[in-house]
Amino acid sequence: MKALICGIGGRMGGRISAIAVEDGFEVIGLERKDHPLSLKGEFEIGEKKIKVYGFPPFPDVKADVAIDFTTKSASLSLLPHFVERKIPVVVGTTGFSQEELEYFKSASEKIPILISPNMSRGVNITFSLVEKLAQLLLYAEVEIFEAHHRYKKDAPSGTALKLGEIIAKARGKKLKEIAKFSREGITGERKQEEIGFQVMRGGDIVGEHTVFFILDGERIEITHRALNRDCFARGAIEGAKWIIKKDKGLFTMRDIFSV
């Protein structure tokens, strides 16, 4: 099976490529045309050399599946090429607006697309656990904390926002109606229904998310910590194996890792 790894020069792209090779995939890479790997034309995994193409233009290659961990703008510009070539795609890029997500929904009428803010099995099981707690603890006050490395560009993380969306939906609300993204100065009393978000950035933190369900006299905390990027990479590979069997449609990792 041949996998096209988009963003192969990134922190995630490199790990996905290495694990894909271990798993028996034939791997080819895609990077922006001015990236050192594109200019070199190859990426080394141990003694194995992976062909790397620069984009644009989209290379004249055949692939059974694409795995896209790039940027918002790159993902949106790559999408029409996947549709044109009928290539199933796994998208791990985050930070899309609702309007931008509509492009993926439209494209999924022609190809299968798996898009998720987090590819980890553990995180997607955490989504299900948090959903259950949100249904049981409708009147708990909720705060979401997330921490990532200094290089992360968006905040709160896509995973933190997804956790908020799950909780808001369980309460019959839309997240934008009850999200509280910052507190400073004289803020007044906390509204019971609001979902607070706190963000930390620094060092080489791979990813940490904690949801606090706070009641008088007690609280429940659900935490997921990623100790390295392999949990995301392995999830992306599992997603690629799963999506390749679909004809079309829009899916998330919760379709694979639900409880």
C-alpha atoms as a PDB file:
ATOM      1  CA  MET A   1       0.000   0.000   0.000  1.00  0.00           C
ATOM      2  CA  LYS A   2       1.422   3.396  -1.014  1.00  0.00           C
ATOM      3  CA  ALA A   3       0.995   6.373   1.329  1.00  0.00           C
ATOM      4  CA  LEU A   4       1.630   9.997   0.417  1.00  0.00           C
ATOM      5  CA  ILE A   5       2.785  11.832   3.557  1.00  0.00           C
ATOM      6  CA  CYS A   6       2.055  15.550   3.229  1.00  0.00           C
ATOM      7  CA  GLY A   7       4.283  17.655   5.472  1.00  0.00           C
ATOM      8  CA  ILE A   8       6.896  14.919   5.714  1.00  0.00           C
ATOM      9  CA  GLY A   9       9.475  17.399   7.000  1.00  0.00           C
ATOM     10  CA  GLY A  10       7.432  18.321  10.071  1.00  0.00           C
ATOM     11  CA  ARG A  11       7.591  16.837  13.552  1.00  0.00           C
ATOM     12  CA  MET A  12       4.533  14.678  12.891  1.00  0.00           C
ATOM     13  CA  GLY A  13       5.291  13.930   9.249  1.00  0.00           C
ATOM     14  CA  GLY A  14       8.644  12.402  10.092  1.00  0.00           C
ATOM     15  CA  ARG A  15       7.252  10.100  12.784  1.00  0.00           C
ATOM     16  CA  ILE A  16       4.286   9.046  10.632  1.00  0.00           C
ATOM     17  CA  SER A  17       6.668   8.182   7.793  1.00  0.00           C
ATOM     18  CA  ALA A  18       8.935   6.115  10.028  1.00  0.00           C
ATOM     19  CA  ILE A  19       6.046   4.159  11.551  1.00  0.00           C
ATOM     20  CA  ALA A  20       4.396   3.704   8.143  1.00  0.00           C
ATOM     21  CA  VAL A  21       7.607   2.172   6.781  1.00  0.00           C
ATOM     22  CA  GLU A  22       7.811  -0.143   9.811  1.00  0.00           C
ATOM     23  CA  ASP A  23       4.212  -1.133   9.128  1.00  0.00           C
ATOM     24  CA  GLY A  24       4.946  -2.142   5.542  1.00  0.00           C
ATOM     25  CA  PHE A  25       3.735   0.955   3.668  1.00  0.00           C
ATOM     26  CA  GLU A  26       5.520   2.257   0.599  1.00  0.00           C
ATOM     27  CA  VAL A  27       6.000   5.923   1.468  1.00  0.00           C
ATOM     28  CA  ILE A  28       6.417   9.000  -0.697  1.00  0.00           C
ATOM     29  CA  GLY A  29       6.663  12.511   0.697  1.00  0.00           C
ATOM     30  CA  LEU A  30       5.312  15.954  -0.105  1.00  0.00           C
ATOM     31  CA  GLU A  31       6.609  19.280   1.198  1.00  0.00           C
ATOM     32  CA  ARG A  32       6.431  22.902   0.174  1.00  0.00           C
ATOM     33  CA  LYS A  33       8.642  23.477  -2.838  1.00  0.00           C
ATOM     34  CA  ASP A  34      11.193  25.639  -0.967  1.00  0.00           C
ATOM     35  CA  HIS A  35      11.629  23.148   1.893  1.00  0.00           C
ATOM     36  CA  PRO A  36      15.143  21.653   2.220  1.00  0.00           C
ATOM     37  CA  LEU A  37      13.747  18.125   1.775  1.00  0.00           C
ATOM     38  CA  SER A  38      12.010  19.119  -1.468  1.00  0.00           C
ATOM     39  CA  LEU A  39      15.182  20.704  -2.752  1.00  0.00           C
ATOM     40  CA  LYS A  40      17.136  17.597  -1.774  1.00  0.00           C
ATOM     41  CA  GLY A  41      14.431  15.341  -3.220  1.00  0.00           C
ATOM     42  CA  GLU A  42      14.605  12.677  -0.536  1.00  0.00           C
ATOM     43  CA  PHE A  43      14.136  11.882   3.134  1.00  0.00           C
ATOM     44  CA  GLU A  44      16.124   9.206   4.939  1.00  0.00           C
ATOM     45  CA  ILE A  45      14.582   6.773   7.396  1.00  0.00           C
ATOM     46  CA  GLY A  46      17.461   4.662   8.620  1.00  0.00           C
ATOM     47  CA  GLU A  47      19.021   3.269   5.484  1.00  0.00           C
ATOM     48  CA  LYS A  48      15.833   3.762   3.475  1.00  0.00           C
ATOM     49  CA  LYS A  49      15.530   6.776   1.177  1.00  0.00           C
ATOM     50  CA  ILE A  50      12.036   8.241   0.659  1.00  0.00           C
ATOM     51  CA  LYS A  51      11.292  10.279  -2.463  1.00  0.00           C
ATOM     52  CA  VAL A  52      10.103  13.799  -1.586  1.00  0.00           C
ATOM     53  CA  TYR A  53       8.239  16.058  -4.028  1.00  0.00           C
ATOM     54  CA  GLY A  54       7.819  19.815  -3.806  1.00  0.00           C
ATOM     55  CA  PHE A  55       4.359  21.431  -3.872  1.00  0.00           C
ATOM     56  CA  PRO A  56       3.159  23.194  -5.925  1.00  0.00           C
ATOM     57  CA  PRO A  57       2.714  21.628  -8.394  1.00  0.00           C
ATOM     58  CA  PHE A  58       1.060  18.437  -7.221  1.00  0.00           C
ATOM     59  CA  PRO A  59       3.277  15.517  -8.294  1.00  0.00           C
ATOM     60  CA  ASP A  60       2.218  13.041 -10.955  1.00  0.00           C
ATOM     61  CA  VAL A  61       2.189  10.078  -8.591  1.00  0.00           C
ATOM     62  CA  LYS A  62      -0.309   7.404  -7.611  1.00  0.00           C
ATOM     63  CA  ALA A  63      -1.108   6.781  -3.952  1.00  0.00           C
ATOM     64  CA  ASP A  64      -3.597   4.575  -2.151  1.00  0.00           C
ATOM     65  CA  VAL A  65      -3.997   7.066   0.684  1.00  0.00           C
ATOM     66  CA  ALA A  66      -2.721  10.484   1.733  1.00  0.00           C
ATOM     67  CA  ILE A  67      -1.922  11.565   5.282  1.00  0.00           C
ATOM     68  CA  ASP A  68      -1.952  15.341   5.682  1.00  0.00           C
ATOM     69  CA  PHE A  69      -0.271  17.043   8.652  1.00  0.00           C
ATOM     70  CA  THR A  70       0.518  20.438   7.163  1.00  0.00           C
ATOM     71  CA  THR A  71      -1.101  23.843   7.729  1.00  0.00           C
ATOM     72  CA  LYS A  72      -4.612  25.176   7.166  1.00  0.00           C
ATOM     73  CA  SER A  73      -3.716  26.885   3.903  1.00  0.00           C
ATOM     74  CA  ALA A  74      -1.738  23.879   2.626  1.00  0.00           C
ATOM     75  CA  SER A  75      -4.496  21.406   3.518  1.00  0.00           C
ATOM     76  CA  LEU A  76      -7.113  23.489   1.731  1.00  0.00           C
ATOM     77  CA  SER A  77      -4.939  23.847  -1.365  1.00  0.00           C
ATOM     78  CA  LEU A  78      -4.169  20.101  -1.435  1.00  0.00           C
ATOM     79  CA  LEU A  79      -7.792  19.001  -1.074  1.00  0.00           C
ATOM     80  CA  PRO A  80      -8.840  19.573  -4.732  1.00  0.00           C
ATOM     81  CA  HIS A  81      -5.907  17.444  -5.889  1.00  0.00           C
ATOM     82  CA  PHE A  82      -6.988  14.556  -3.669  1.00  0.00           C
ATOM     83  CA  VAL A  83     -10.500  14.823  -5.058  1.00  0.00           C
ATOM     84  CA  GLU A  84      -9.267  14.981  -8.662  1.00  0.00           C
ATOM     85  CA  ARG A  85      -7.115  11.874  -8.184  1.00  0.00           C
ATOM     86  CA  LYS A  86      -9.640  10.016  -5.997  1.00  0.00           C
ATOM     87  CA  ILE A  87      -7.142   9.655  -3.137  1.00  0.00           C
ATOM     88  CA  PRO A  88      -8.608   8.910   0.322  1.00  0.00           C
ATOM     89  CA  VAL A  89      -7.130  11.272   2.896  1.00  0.00           C
ATOM     90  CA  VAL A  90      -6.470  11.423   6.622  1.00  0.00           C
ATOM     91  CA  VAL A  91      -6.246  15.039   7.836  1.00  0.00           C
ATOM     92  CA  GLY A  92      -4.577  15.859  11.150  1.00  0.00           C
ATOM     93  CA  THR A  93      -4.229  19.598  10.549  1.00  0.00           C
ATOM     94  CA  THR A  94      -6.072  21.761  13.087  1.00  0.00           C
ATOM     95  CA  GLY A  95      -7.398  25.303  13.355  1.00  0.00           C
ATOM     96  CA  PHE A  96     -10.036  25.187  10.599  1.00  0.00           C
ATOM     97  CA  SER A  97     -13.040  27.503  10.789  1.00  0.00           C
ATOM     98  CA  GLN A  98     -16.532  26.095  10.396  1.00  0.00           C
ATOM     99  CA  GLU A  99     -16.646  27.569   6.896  1.00  0.00           C
ATOM    100  CA  GLU A 100     -13.368  25.868   5.986  1.00  0.00           C
ATOM    101  CA  LEU A 101     -14.633  22.551   7.326  1.00  0.00           C
ATOM    102  CA  GLU A 102     -17.477  22.835   4.826  1.00  0.00           C
ATOM    103  CA  TYR A 103     -14.913  22.381   2.030  1.00  0.00           C
ATOM    104  CA  PHE A 104     -14.023  18.981   3.474  1.00  0.00           C
ATOM    105  CA  LYS A 105     -17.687  18.081   3.864  1.00  0.00           C
ATOM    106  CA  SER A 106     -18.291  18.928   0.211  1.00  0.00           C
ATOM    107  CA  ALA A 107     -15.200  17.004  -0.939  1.00  0.00           C
ATOM    108  CA  SER A 108     -16.279  13.964   1.099  1.00  0.00           C
ATOM    109  CA  GLU A 109     -19.170  13.495  -1.324  1.00  0.00           C
ATOM    110  CA  LYS A 110     -16.540  12.311  -3.811  1.00  0.00           C
ATOM    111  CA  ILE A 111     -13.745  10.768  -1.698  1.00  0.00           C
ATOM    112  CA  PRO A 112     -13.459   9.351   1.830  1.00  0.00           C
ATOM    113  CA  ILE A 113     -11.997  11.852   4.289  1.00  0.00           C
ATOM    114  CA  LEU A 114     -11.043  11.224   7.907  1.00  0.00           C
ATOM    115  CA  ILE A 115     -10.429  14.485   9.755  1.00  0.00           C
ATOM    116  CA  SER A 116      -9.791  14.767  13.457  1.00  0.00           C
ATOM    117  CA  PRO A 117      -8.137  17.272  15.818  1.00  0.00           C
ATOM    118  CA  ASN A 118      -6.326  14.402  17.507  1.00  0.00           C
ATOM    119  CA  MET A 119      -5.336  10.988  16.118  1.00  0.00           C
ATOM    120  CA  SER A 120      -4.503   9.345  19.441  1.00  0.00           C
ATOM    121  CA  ARG A 121      -6.498   6.295  20.518  1.00  0.00           C
ATOM    122  CA  GLY A 122      -6.327   7.522  24.115  1.00  0.00           C
ATOM    123  CA  VAL A 123      -7.625  10.982  23.297  1.00  0.00           C
ATOM    124  CA  ASN A 124     -10.534   9.640  21.270  1.00  0.00           C
ATOM    125  CA  ILE A 125     -11.499   7.329  24.119  1.00  0.00           C
ATOM    126  CA  THR A 126     -11.212  10.385  26.388  1.00  0.00           C
ATOM    127  CA  PHE A 127     -13.728  12.162  24.122  1.00  0.00           C
ATOM    128  CA  SER A 128     -16.211   9.353  24.801  1.00  0.00           C
ATOM    129  CA  LEU A 129     -15.581   9.387  28.562  1.00  0.00           C
ATOM    130  CA  VAL A 130     -15.991  13.159  28.749  1.00  0.00           C
ATOM    131  CA  GLU A 131     -19.225  12.932  26.762  1.00  0.00           C
ATOM    132  CA  LYS A 132     -20.615  10.445  29.288  1.00  0.00           C
ATOM    133  CA  LEU A 133     -19.565  12.578  32.260  1.00  0.00           C
ATOM    134  CA  ALA A 134     -21.076  15.675  30.650  1.00  0.00           C
ATOM    135  CA  GLN A 135     -24.390  13.848  30.358  1.00  0.00           C
ATOM    136  CA  LEU A 136     -24.247  12.704  33.989  1.00  0.00           C
ATOM    137  CA  LEU A 137     -23.010  16.014  35.443  1.00  0.00           C
ATOM    138  CA  LEU A 138     -25.169  18.565  33.655  1.00  0.00           C
ATOM    139  CA  TYR A 139     -24.801  21.146  36.440  1.00  0.00           C
ATOM    140  CA  ALA A 140     -21.082  20.792  37.082  1.00  0.00           C
ATOM    141  CA  GLU A 141     -18.904  23.791  36.289  1.00  0.00           C
ATOM    142  CA  VAL A 142     -16.422  22.874  33.587  1.00  0.00           C
ATOM    143  CA  GLU A 143     -12.883  24.092  32.922  1.00  0.00           C
ATOM    144  CA  ILE A 144     -10.546  22.785  30.225  1.00  0.00           C
ATOM    145  CA  PHE A 145      -6.767  23.106  30.501  1.00  0.00           C
ATOM    146  CA  GLU A 146      -4.339  22.343  27.691  1.00  0.00           C
ATOM    147  CA  ALA A 147      -0.555  22.595  27.328  1.00  0.00           C
ATOM    148  CA  HIS A 148       1.649  22.293  24.240  1.00  0.00           C
ATOM    149  CA  HIS A 149       5.167  23.056  23.016  1.00  0.00           C
ATOM    150  CA  ARG A 150       6.329  26.574  22.200  1.00  0.00           C
ATOM    151  CA  TYR A 151       5.931  26.078  18.439  1.00  0.00           C
ATOM    152  CA  LYS A 152       2.186  25.408  18.382  1.00  0.00           C
ATOM    153  CA  LYS A 153       0.482  28.156  16.391  1.00  0.00           C
ATOM    154  CA  ASP A 154      -3.200  27.871  17.389  1.00  0.00           C
ATOM    155  CA  ALA A 155      -4.830  28.225  20.796  1.00  0.00           C
ATOM    156  CA  PRO A 156      -6.801  26.695  22.334  1.00  0.00           C
ATOM    157  CA  SER A 157      -5.812  23.448  20.673  1.00  0.00           C
ATOM    158  CA  GLY A 158      -8.187  21.671  18.331  1.00  0.00           C
ATOM    159  CA  THR A 159      -8.460  18.886  20.888  1.00  0.00           C
ATOM    160  CA  ALA A 160      -9.437  21.307  23.673  1.00  0.00           C
ATOM    161  CA  LEU A 161     -12.076  22.877  21.451  1.00  0.00           C
ATOM    162  CA  LYS A 162     -13.422  19.441  20.534  1.00  0.00           C
ATOM    163  CA  LEU A 163     -13.729  18.582  24.222  1.00  0.00           C
ATOM    164  CA  GLY A 164     -15.652  21.818  24.721  1.00  0.00           C
ATOM    165  CA  GLU A 165     -17.932  21.081  21.779  1.00  0.00           C
ATOM    166  CA  ILE A 166     -18.730  17.613  23.154  1.00  0.00           C
ATOM    167  CA  ILE A 167     -19.645  19.037  26.564  1.00  0.00           C
ATOM    168  CA  ALA A 168     -21.676  21.896  25.111  1.00  0.00           C
ATOM    169  CA  LYS A 169     -23.630  19.512  22.886  1.00  0.00           C
ATOM    170  CA  ALA A 170     -24.446  17.311  25.893  1.00  0.00           C
ATOM    171  CA  ARG A 171     -25.978  20.418  27.473  1.00  0.00           C
ATOM    172  CA  GLY A 172     -27.979  21.365  24.407  1.00  0.00           C
ATOM    173  CA  LYS A 173     -25.764  24.374  23.677  1.00  0.00           C
ATOM    174  CA  LYS A 174     -23.305  25.526  21.050  1.00  0.00           C
ATOM    175  CA  LEU A 175     -19.771  26.058  22.309  1.00  0.00           C
ATOM    176  CA  LYS A 176     -19.564  29.624  20.986  1.00  0.00           C
ATOM    177  CA  GLU A 177     -22.530  30.512  23.192  1.00  0.00           C
ATOM    178  CA  ILE A 178     -20.928  29.422  26.469  1.00  0.00           C
ATOM    179  CA  ALA A 179     -17.130  29.382  25.921  1.00  0.00           C
ATOM    180  CA  LYS A 180     -14.983  31.618  28.117  1.00  0.00           C
ATOM    181  CA  PHE A 181     -11.517  31.968  26.621  1.00  0.00           C
ATOM    182  CA  SER A 182      -9.901  34.408  29.022  1.00  0.00           C
ATOM    183  CA  ARG A 183     -10.343  35.979  32.440  1.00  0.00           C
ATOM    184  CA  GLU A 184      -8.676  39.188  33.483  1.00  0.00           C
ATOM    185  CA  GLY A 185      -9.525  42.026  35.813  1.00  0.00           C
ATOM    186  CA  ILE A 186     -12.934  42.327  37.445  1.00  0.00           C
ATOM    187  CA  THR A 187     -14.775  39.538  35.660  1.00  0.00           C
ATOM    188  CA  GLY A 188     -17.755  39.181  37.971  1.00  0.00           C
ATOM    189  CA  GLU A 189     -19.072  35.873  39.209  1.00  0.00           C
ATOM    190  CA  ARG A 190     -18.615  32.781  37.085  1.00  0.00           C
ATOM    191  CA  LYS A 191     -21.681  31.745  35.095  1.00  0.00           C
ATOM    192  CA  GLN A 192     -22.614  28.138  35.826  1.00  0.00           C
ATOM    193  CA  GLU A 193     -23.080  27.165  32.178  1.00  0.00           C
ATOM    194  CA  GLU A 194     -19.814  28.605  30.842  1.00  0.00           C
ATOM    195  CA  ILE A 195     -16.941  26.375  29.743  1.00  0.00           C
ATOM    196  CA  GLY A 196     -13.604  27.925  30.624  1.00  0.00           C
ATOM    197  CA  PHE A 197     -10.395  27.403  28.658  1.00  0.00           C
ATOM    198  CA  GLN A 198      -6.861  27.799  29.966  1.00  0.00           C
ATOM    199  CA  VAL A 199      -3.762  27.501  27.774  1.00  0.00           C
ATOM    200  CA  MET A 200      -0.072  26.936  28.477  1.00  0.00           C
ATOM    201  CA  ARG A 201       2.719  27.046  25.888  1.00  0.00           C
ATOM    202  CA  GLY A 202       6.363  26.209  26.446  1.00  0.00           C
ATOM    203  CA  GLY A 203       9.252  23.816  26.085  1.00  0.00           C
ATOM    204  CA  ASP A 204       8.754  20.554  24.241  1.00  0.00           C
ATOM    205  CA  ILE A 205       5.372  19.559  25.740  1.00  0.00           C
ATOM    206  CA  VAL A 206       3.827  17.149  23.236  1.00  0.00           C
ATOM    207  CA  GLY A 207       0.268  17.615  24.420  1.00  0.00           C
ATOM    208  CA  GLU A 208      -1.709  17.595  27.663  1.00  0.00           C
ATOM    209  CA  HIS A 209      -5.446  18.048  28.186  1.00  0.00           C
ATOM    210  CA  THR A 210      -7.435  18.054  31.432  1.00  0.00           C
ATOM    211  CA  VAL A 211     -11.183  18.510  31.807  1.00  0.00           C
ATOM    212  CA  PHE A 212     -12.370  19.550  35.281  1.00  0.00           C
ATOM    213  CA  PHE A 213     -15.980  18.806  36.296  1.00  0.00           C
ATOM    214  CA  ILE A 214     -16.339  20.924  39.431  1.00  0.00           C
ATOM    215  CA  LEU A 215     -19.049  20.429  42.051  1.00  0.00           C
ATOM    216  CA  ASP A 216     -19.365  21.850  45.554  1.00  0.00           C
ATOM    217  CA  GLY A 217     -17.074  19.801  47.761  1.00  0.00           C
ATOM    218  CA  GLU A 218     -15.676  17.598  45.016  1.00  0.00           C
ATOM    219  CA  ARG A 219     -14.430  17.495  41.457  1.00  0.00           C
ATOM    220  CA  ILE A 220     -13.643  14.973  38.749  1.00  0.00           C
ATOM    221  CA  GLU A 221     -10.599  15.405  36.514  1.00  0.00           C
ATOM    222  CA  ILE A 222     -10.023  13.561  33.259  1.00  0.00           C
ATOM    223  CA  THR A 223      -6.474  13.953  31.917  1.00  0.00           C
ATOM    224  CA  HIS A 224      -4.693  12.730  28.836  1.00  0.00           C
ATOM    225  CA  ARG A 225      -0.954  13.281  28.441  1.00  0.00           C
ATOM    226  CA  ALA A 226       0.940  12.441  25.273  1.00  0.00           C
ATOM    227  CA  LEU A 227       4.477  11.438  26.196  1.00  0.00           C
ATOM    228  CA  ASN A 228       5.670  11.413  22.592  1.00  0.00           C
ATOM    229  CA  ARG A 229       4.216  11.845  19.101  1.00  0.00           C
ATOM    230  CA  ASP A 230       4.058   8.143  18.323  1.00  0.00           C
ATOM    231  CA  CYS A 231       0.505   7.847  19.709  1.00  0.00           C
ATOM    232  CA  PHE A 232      -0.655  10.379  17.109  1.00  0.00           C
ATOM    233  CA  ALA A 233       1.400   8.801  14.338  1.00  0.00           C
ATOM    234  CA  ARG A 234       0.118   5.286  15.046  1.00  0.00           C
ATOM    235  CA  GLY A 235      -3.431   6.605  15.164  1.00  0.00           C
ATOM    236  CA  ALA A 236      -2.959   8.250  11.770  1.00  0.00           C
ATOM    237  CA  ILE A 237      -1.696   4.964  10.314  1.00  0.00           C
ATOM    238  CA  GLU A 238      -4.674   3.095  11.769  1.00  0.00           C
ATOM    239  CA  GLY A 239      -6.906   5.776  10.300  1.00  0.00           C
ATOM    240  CA  ALA A 240      -5.277   5.353   6.888  1.00  0.00           C
ATOM    241  CA  LYS A 241      -5.881   1.589   6.933  1.00  0.00           C
ATOM    242  CA  TRP A 242      -9.513   2.204   7.896  1.00  0.00           C
ATOM    243  CA  ILE A 243     -10.376   5.026   5.481  1.00  0.00           C
ATOM    244  CA  ILE A 244      -8.949   3.250   2.441  1.00  0.00           C
ATOM    245  CA  LYS A 245     -11.817   0.746   2.673  1.00  0.00           C
ATOM    246  CA  LYS A 246     -14.471   3.470   2.339  1.00  0.00           C
ATOM    247  CA  ASP A 247     -15.922   4.749  -0.931  1.00  0.00           C
ATOM    248  CA  LYS A 248     -16.707   8.272   0.263  1.00  0.00           C
ATOM    249  CA  GLY A 249     -17.895  10.151   3.322  1.00  0.00           C
ATOM    250  CA  LEU A 250     -16.624  12.348   6.148  1.00  0.00           C
ATOM    251  CA  PHE A 251     -15.359  10.547   9.251  1.00  0.00           C
ATOM    252  CA  THR A 252     -13.485  11.236  12.496  1.00  0.00           C
ATOM    253  CA  MET A 253     -11.246   9.089  14.643  1.00  0.00           C
ATOM    254  CA  ARG A 254     -14.205   8.581  16.989  1.00  0.00           C
ATOM    255  CA  ASP A 255     -15.683   6.370  14.276  1.00  0.00           C
ATOM    256  CA  ILE A 256     -12.720   4.055  14.927  1.00  0.00           C
ATOM    257  CA  PHE A 257     -11.865   4.589  18.610  1.00  0.00           C
ATOM    258  CA  SER A 258     -15.234   4.964  20.332  1.00  0.00           C
ATOM    259  CA  VAL A 259     -16.404   3.255  23.540  1.00  0.00           C
END
